[in-house]
Amino acid sequence: MCEERELRFSIFILYSLAEKWQKPPAAVYKILNSTGILDDYIIACYDVLHTQGKEYLVEDITEYVKEKGVNI
């Protein structure tokens, strides 16, 4: 289970990706959840990721999603 700060960060990432990918947040959530990126990367690596800038995070996670075989 994640803490409130991790939840807030996850929501920030979700909406940042939704803006960049021009998709509804619900669609972005489904992608991140189904690939395991939400739990295994965004929440699990919160301590490191939250120190990075928005642009870097969006690009990093976008590349990771593509590596998982998802077309954006």
C-alpha atoms as a PDB file:
ATOM      1  CA  MET A   1       0.000   0.000   0.000  1.00  0.00           C
ATOM      2  CA  CYS A   2       1.329   3.436  -0.837  1.00  0.00           C
ATOM      3  CA  GLU A   3       1.474   6.512   1.336  1.00  0.00           C
ATOM      4  CA  GLU A   4      -0.310   9.768   0.599  1.00  0.00           C
ATOM      5  CA  ARG A   5       2.815  11.393  -0.877  1.00  0.00           C
ATOM      6  CA  GLU A   6       3.249   8.508  -3.300  1.00  0.00           C
ATOM      7  CA  LEU A   7      -0.412   8.695  -4.244  1.00  0.00           C
ATOM      8  CA  ARG A   8      -0.161  12.435  -4.908  1.00  0.00           C
ATOM      9  CA  PHE A   9       2.970  11.887  -6.997  1.00  0.00           C
ATOM     10  CA  SER A  10       1.281   9.113  -8.989  1.00  0.00           C
ATOM     11  CA  ILE A  11      -1.662  11.397  -9.746  1.00  0.00           C
ATOM     12  CA  PHE A  12       0.729  14.165 -10.827  1.00  0.00           C
ATOM     13  CA  ILE A  13       2.494  11.731 -13.188  1.00  0.00           C
ATOM     14  CA  LEU A  14      -0.794  10.375 -14.499  1.00  0.00           C
ATOM     15  CA  TYR A  15      -2.118  13.829 -15.412  1.00  0.00           C
ATOM     16  CA  SER A  16       1.242  14.934 -16.834  1.00  0.00           C
ATOM     17  CA  LEU A  17       1.289  11.887 -19.121  1.00  0.00           C
ATOM     18  CA  ALA A  18      -2.361  12.409 -20.071  1.00  0.00           C
ATOM     19  CA  GLU A  19      -1.525  15.938 -21.179  1.00  0.00           C
ATOM     20  CA  LYS A  20       1.525  14.839 -23.169  1.00  0.00           C
ATOM     21  CA  TRP A  21      -0.154  11.800 -24.752  1.00  0.00           C
ATOM     22  CA  GLN A  22      -3.430  13.665 -25.317  1.00  0.00           C
ATOM     23  CA  LYS A  23      -5.408  10.862 -23.709  1.00  0.00           C
ATOM     24  CA  PRO A  24      -7.916  10.876 -20.858  1.00  0.00           C
ATOM     25  CA  PRO A  25      -6.361  10.185 -17.442  1.00  0.00           C
ATOM     26  CA  ALA A  26      -8.411   6.972 -17.172  1.00  0.00           C
ATOM     27  CA  ALA A  27      -6.764   5.625 -20.346  1.00  0.00           C
ATOM     28  CA  VAL A  28      -3.305   6.521 -19.031  1.00  0.00           C
ATOM     29  CA  TYR A  29      -4.097   4.807 -15.735  1.00  0.00           C
ATOM     30  CA  LYS A  30      -5.104   1.632 -17.581  1.00  0.00           C
ATOM     31  CA  ILE A  31      -1.822   1.628 -19.515  1.00  0.00           C
ATOM     32  CA  LEU A  32       0.330   2.222 -16.427  1.00  0.00           C
ATOM     33  CA  ASN A  33      -1.582  -0.299 -14.348  1.00  0.00           C
ATOM     34  CA  SER A  34      -1.723  -3.068 -16.966  1.00  0.00           C
ATOM     35  CA  THR A  35       2.016  -2.839 -17.681  1.00  0.00           C
ATOM     36  CA  GLY A  36       2.941  -2.822 -13.997  1.00  0.00           C
ATOM     37  CA  ILE A  37       4.653   0.542 -14.371  1.00  0.00           C
ATOM     38  CA  LEU A  38       2.430   2.226 -11.804  1.00  0.00           C
ATOM     39  CA  ASP A  39       3.224  -0.134  -8.928  1.00  0.00           C
ATOM     40  CA  ASP A  40       6.624  -1.482  -9.933  1.00  0.00           C
ATOM     41  CA  TYR A  41       8.200   1.765 -11.100  1.00  0.00           C
ATOM     42  CA  ILE A  42       6.329   4.958 -10.233  1.00  0.00           C
ATOM     43  CA  ILE A  43       5.352   3.992  -6.684  1.00  0.00           C
ATOM     44  CA  ALA A  44       8.272   1.637  -5.972  1.00  0.00           C
ATOM     45  CA  CYS A  45      10.859   4.206  -7.118  1.00  0.00           C
ATOM     46  CA  TYR A  46       9.153   7.259  -5.635  1.00  0.00           C
ATOM     47  CA  ASP A  47      12.190   8.241  -3.538  1.00  0.00           C
ATOM     48  CA  VAL A  48      14.318   8.717  -6.660  1.00  0.00           C
ATOM     49  CA  LEU A  49      11.679   9.774  -9.168  1.00  0.00           C
ATOM     50  CA  HIS A  50      10.134  12.585  -7.143  1.00  0.00           C
ATOM     51  CA  THR A  51      13.439  14.474  -7.294  1.00  0.00           C
ATOM     52  CA  GLN A  52      13.302  14.653 -11.100  1.00  0.00           C
ATOM     53  CA  GLY A  53      11.660  17.319 -13.236  1.00  0.00           C
ATOM     54  CA  LYS A  54       8.300  16.896 -14.937  1.00  0.00           C
ATOM     55  CA  GLU A  55       9.756  16.871 -18.458  1.00  0.00           C
ATOM     56  CA  TYR A  56      12.278  14.172 -17.592  1.00  0.00           C
ATOM     57  CA  LEU A  57       9.648  12.032 -15.874  1.00  0.00           C
ATOM     58  CA  VAL A  58       7.225  12.238 -18.792  1.00  0.00           C
ATOM     59  CA  GLU A  59       9.929  11.291 -21.302  1.00  0.00           C
ATOM     60  CA  ASP A  60      11.326   8.523 -19.095  1.00  0.00           C
ATOM     61  CA  ILE A  61       7.962   6.899 -18.467  1.00  0.00           C
ATOM     62  CA  THR A  62       6.927   7.328 -22.112  1.00  0.00           C
ATOM     63  CA  GLU A  63      10.038   5.409 -23.185  1.00  0.00           C
ATOM     64  CA  TYR A  64       9.401   2.733 -20.565  1.00  0.00           C
ATOM     65  CA  VAL A  65       5.824   2.278 -21.790  1.00  0.00           C
ATOM     66  CA  LYS A  66       7.089   1.904 -25.363  1.00  0.00           C
ATOM     67  CA  GLU A  67       9.626  -0.704 -24.188  1.00  0.00           C
ATOM     68  CA  LYS A  68       6.693  -2.638 -22.746  1.00  0.00           C
ATOM     69  CA  GLY A  69       5.210  -2.744 -26.266  1.00  0.00           C
ATOM     70  CA  VAL A  70       2.446  -0.181 -25.838  1.00  0.00           C
ATOM     71  CA  ASN A  71       1.702   2.202 -28.702  1.00  0.00           C
ATOM     72  CA  ILE A  72       0.907   5.675 -27.505  1.00  0.00           C
END
